[in-house]
Amino acid sequence: MEKYDDQQLKDMLTKPATQRRGFEALVRQYSEQLYWQVRRIVLTHEDANDVLQNAFLKAWNALDSFHGDSKVLTWMSRICINESLDFVRRQKNISSISADDADSGVANMLVADKYFDGDETEAQLQEAIARLPEVQRTVFTLRYYDEMKYSEMSRVLKTSEGALKASYHIAVKKISDYFKSRD
C-alpha cells in the first residue's frame, strides 16, 4: 500500500482529475485511526462503522469545498467528530434515559458488544466517560486515547487551547470522582 504525505493528499484531493484516487488513499491511510476516534465517542463497533461511513460520504460530497487550509487528517477528524456527536445527540433524543440508566447501560452495552475486548475497569472507564458532558467527553477521548495535542484539538474543535485544557482537567476530575464513588 502506497502511503502519501499530507501535501500529496491535498494535491490529489484538490484536483478534479485525481480526486477519486486521493480520496481512496485518504480512506486507506486514515480509516483505522478515524474509526477509533469515532468508536470512543459512539462506543459500539456497528455504530462506529455507520458513523465513519457517513463521515466519509460527507467528506466526499464536500471535496469541492476542501481547499487544503488544514491537514487532511484534521479536516477528516473534524467531520468524524461532528458526525459522532450528532449521532450521540440523536441517540439521546431517541432514548431519553436518565444518568443512572446510562451508567449501567454503557457497561452492559459494552460487555454485550462482541468487539469489546476490554476488562471491567475499561467498561467502568467508559461508563464514567459517558456521564461527562459532550464537550468534556470529546476533549477527554481525543487527549487520553488519541494523544492529540491541544493545538491540533483547537483546530479540530474550533476553540481555544485554554478552554480545552480546562475541559480536559475537569473531565479527569469527574472520572476520578466517579471511580472513588464506586469503591
Protein backbone atom coordinates (compact mmCIF):
# COMPACT_ATOMS: atom_id res chain seq x y z
CA MET A 1 0.00 0.00 0.00
CA GLU A 2 1.45 3.31 -1.06
CA LYS A 3 1.48 6.00 1.63
CA TYR A 4 1.15 9.63 0.76
CA ASP A 5 2.24 12.59 2.82
CA ASP A 6 -0.22 15.34 3.66
CA GLN A 7 0.80 17.61 0.79
CA GLN A 8 0.46 14.81 -1.76
CA LEU A 9 -3.01 14.00 -0.47
CA LYS A 10 -4.01 17.67 -0.57
CA ASP A 11 -2.79 17.96 -4.15
CA MET A 12 -4.78 14.90 -5.21
CA LEU A 13 -7.92 15.94 -3.35
CA THR A 14 -7.99 19.47 -4.75
CA LYS A 15 -7.53 18.47 -8.41
CA PRO A 16 -10.62 17.03 -10.13
CA ALA A 17 -8.53 14.60 -12.20
CA THR A 18 -7.04 12.95 -9.09
CA GLN A 19 -9.80 13.41 -6.50
CA ARG A 20 -11.03 9.82 -6.61
CA ARG A 21 -7.53 8.37 -6.25
CA GLY A 22 -6.73 10.87 -3.48
CA PHE A 23 -9.92 10.03 -1.62
CA GLU A 24 -9.23 6.30 -1.89
CA ALA A 25 -5.74 6.94 -0.47
CA LEU A 26 -7.22 9.03 2.34
CA VAL A 27 -9.62 6.21 3.24
CA ARG A 28 -6.85 3.59 3.17
CA GLN A 29 -4.43 5.67 5.24
CA TYR A 30 -6.75 7.04 7.89
CA SER A 31 -9.70 4.65 8.23
CA GLU A 32 -8.38 2.81 11.25
CA GLN A 33 -7.30 5.93 13.12
CA LEU A 34 -10.60 7.67 12.39
CA TYR A 35 -12.56 4.53 13.30
CA TRP A 36 -11.06 4.56 16.79
CA GLN A 37 -11.72 8.28 17.16
CA VAL A 38 -15.37 7.65 16.34
CA ARG A 39 -15.60 4.41 18.34
CA ARG A 40 -14.52 6.12 21.54
CA ILE A 41 -17.37 8.58 21.19
CA VAL A 42 -20.18 6.29 20.00
CA LEU A 43 -18.90 3.15 21.84
CA THR A 44 -20.16 0.24 19.71
CA HIS A 45 -18.50 -1.27 16.66
CA GLU A 46 -21.61 -1.20 14.47
CA ASP A 47 -22.39 2.42 15.33
CA ALA A 48 -18.77 3.43 14.76
CA ASN A 49 -18.77 1.81 11.32
CA ASP A 50 -22.02 3.58 10.40
CA VAL A 51 -20.81 6.96 11.64
CA LEU A 52 -17.45 6.57 9.89
CA GLN A 53 -19.15 5.64 6.63
CA ASN A 54 -21.41 8.71 6.94
CA ALA A 55 -18.35 10.87 7.67
CA PHE A 56 -16.56 9.60 4.56
CA LEU A 57 -19.68 10.25 2.47
CA LYS A 58 -19.90 13.76 3.87
CA ALA A 59 -16.21 14.33 3.12
CA TRP A 60 -16.58 13.03 -0.43
CA ASN A 61 -19.53 15.36 -1.01
CA ALA A 62 -17.56 18.28 0.46
CA LEU A 63 -14.37 17.76 -1.56
CA ASP A 64 -15.11 20.81 -3.70
CA SER A 65 -15.06 22.96 -0.56
CA PHE A 66 -11.77 21.46 0.71
CA HIS A 67 -9.02 23.95 -0.10
CA GLY A 68 -6.20 22.34 1.82
CA ASP A 69 -6.03 25.04 4.51
CA SER A 70 -5.60 22.42 7.22
CA LYS A 71 -4.06 18.97 7.35
CA VAL A 72 -6.14 16.28 5.69
CA LEU A 73 -6.36 14.33 8.94
CA THR A 74 -7.50 17.45 10.82
CA TRP A 75 -10.22 18.04 8.23
CA MET A 76 -11.38 14.40 8.43
CA SER A 77 -11.20 14.38 12.23
CA ARG A 78 -13.46 17.41 12.37
CA ILE A 79 -16.01 15.70 10.12
CA CYS A 80 -15.82 12.43 12.10
CA ILE A 81 -16.15 14.12 15.47
CA ASN A 82 -19.10 16.20 14.31
CA GLU A 83 -20.80 13.09 12.88
CA SER A 84 -20.11 11.21 16.12
CA LEU A 85 -21.53 13.98 18.28
CA ASP A 86 -24.60 14.28 16.03
CA PHE A 87 -25.11 10.52 16.38
CA VAL A 88 -24.83 10.68 20.18
CA ARG A 89 -27.30 13.57 20.31
CA ARG A 90 -29.78 11.66 18.14
CA GLN A 91 -29.42 8.58 20.35
CA LYS A 92 -30.02 10.64 23.50
CA ASN A 93 -33.14 12.17 21.97
CA ILE A 94 -34.43 8.75 20.97
CA SER A 95 -33.80 7.01 24.27
CA SER A 96 -34.14 9.88 26.78
CA ILE A 97 -32.57 7.78 29.52
CA SER A 98 -31.58 9.09 32.91
CA ALA A 99 -27.97 9.36 34.06
CA ASP A 100 -28.41 6.30 36.31
CA ASP A 101 -29.78 4.24 33.44
CA ALA A 102 -26.95 5.46 31.22
CA ASP A 103 -24.47 4.43 33.89
CA SER A 104 -25.48 0.78 33.90
CA GLY A 105 -26.46 0.81 30.23
CA VAL A 106 -23.00 1.64 28.92
CA ALA A 107 -21.34 -1.17 30.85
CA ASN A 108 -23.99 -3.67 29.78
CA MET A 109 -23.81 -2.50 26.18
CA LEU A 110 -20.02 -2.79 26.13
CA VAL A 111 -19.95 -6.23 27.72
CA ALA A 112 -22.55 -7.42 25.18
CA ASP A 113 -20.55 -5.99 22.25
CA LYS A 114 -18.60 -8.90 20.74
CA TYR A 115 -15.94 -6.44 19.56
CA PHE A 116 -15.28 -5.06 23.05
CA ASP A 117 -12.10 -6.64 24.35
CA GLY A 118 -11.63 -4.57 27.50
CA ASP A 119 -11.92 -5.67 31.08
CA GLU A 120 -14.22 -4.48 33.87
CA THR A 121 -12.04 -1.44 34.56
CA GLU A 122 -12.26 -0.35 30.91
CA ALA A 123 -16.04 -0.80 30.99
CA GLN A 124 -16.22 1.37 34.14
CA LEU A 125 -14.00 3.98 32.50
CA GLN A 126 -16.36 4.07 29.53
CA GLU A 127 -19.28 4.47 31.93
CA ALA A 128 -17.53 7.42 33.56
CA ILE A 129 -16.74 8.97 30.18
CA ALA A 130 -20.34 8.51 29.02
CA ARG A 131 -21.52 10.54 32.01
CA LEU A 132 -19.40 13.55 31.03
CA PRO A 133 -20.95 16.48 29.19
CA GLU A 134 -20.42 16.28 25.44
CA VAL A 135 -17.51 18.73 25.20
CA GLN A 136 -15.61 17.23 28.13
CA ARG A 137 -16.18 13.72 26.77
CA THR A 138 -14.85 14.69 23.35
CA VAL A 139 -11.82 16.53 24.71
CA PHE A 140 -11.02 13.67 27.09
CA THR A 141 -11.19 10.98 24.40
CA LEU A 142 -9.10 12.98 21.94
CA ARG A 143 -6.44 13.74 24.53
CA TYR A 144 -6.39 10.49 26.51
CA TYR A 145 -6.82 7.93 23.74
CA ASP A 146 -5.57 9.72 20.63
CA GLU A 147 -2.94 11.77 22.47
CA MET A 148 -3.96 14.70 20.31
CA LYS A 149 -2.13 17.91 21.10
CA TYR A 150 -4.19 20.82 22.33
CA SER A 151 -3.10 22.90 19.34
CA GLU A 152 -4.45 20.26 16.94
CA MET A 153 -7.60 19.83 19.00
CA SER A 154 -8.09 23.57 18.89
CA ARG A 155 -8.15 23.44 15.09
CA VAL A 156 -10.47 20.43 15.00
CA LEU A 157 -12.95 21.71 17.59
CA LYS A 158 -12.50 25.39 16.77
CA THR A 159 -11.99 26.55 20.34
CA SER A 160 -9.12 27.92 22.40
CA GLU A 161 -6.38 25.75 23.85
CA GLY A 162 -7.06 27.16 27.32
CA ALA A 163 -10.71 26.10 27.17
CA LEU A 164 -9.67 22.63 26.01
CA LYS A 165 -7.15 22.25 28.83
CA ALA A 166 -9.77 23.29 31.36
CA SER A 167 -12.31 20.85 29.91
CA TYR A 168 -9.79 18.03 30.00
CA HIS A 169 -8.81 18.65 33.62
CA ILE A 170 -12.44 18.92 34.72
CA ALA A 171 -13.18 15.66 32.88
CA VAL A 172 -10.26 13.91 34.59
CA LYS A 173 -11.51 15.13 37.98
CA LYS A 174 -15.04 13.89 37.29
CA ILE A 175 -13.75 10.50 36.14
CA SER A 176 -11.56 10.24 39.22
CA ASP A 177 -14.53 11.14 41.43
CA TYR A 178 -16.62 8.52 39.65
CA PHE A 179 -14.10 5.78 40.43
CA LYS A 180 -13.81 6.95 44.05
CA SER A 181 -17.59 6.75 44.45
CA ARG A 182 -17.53 3.15 43.15
CA ASP A 183 -15.14 1.99 45.89
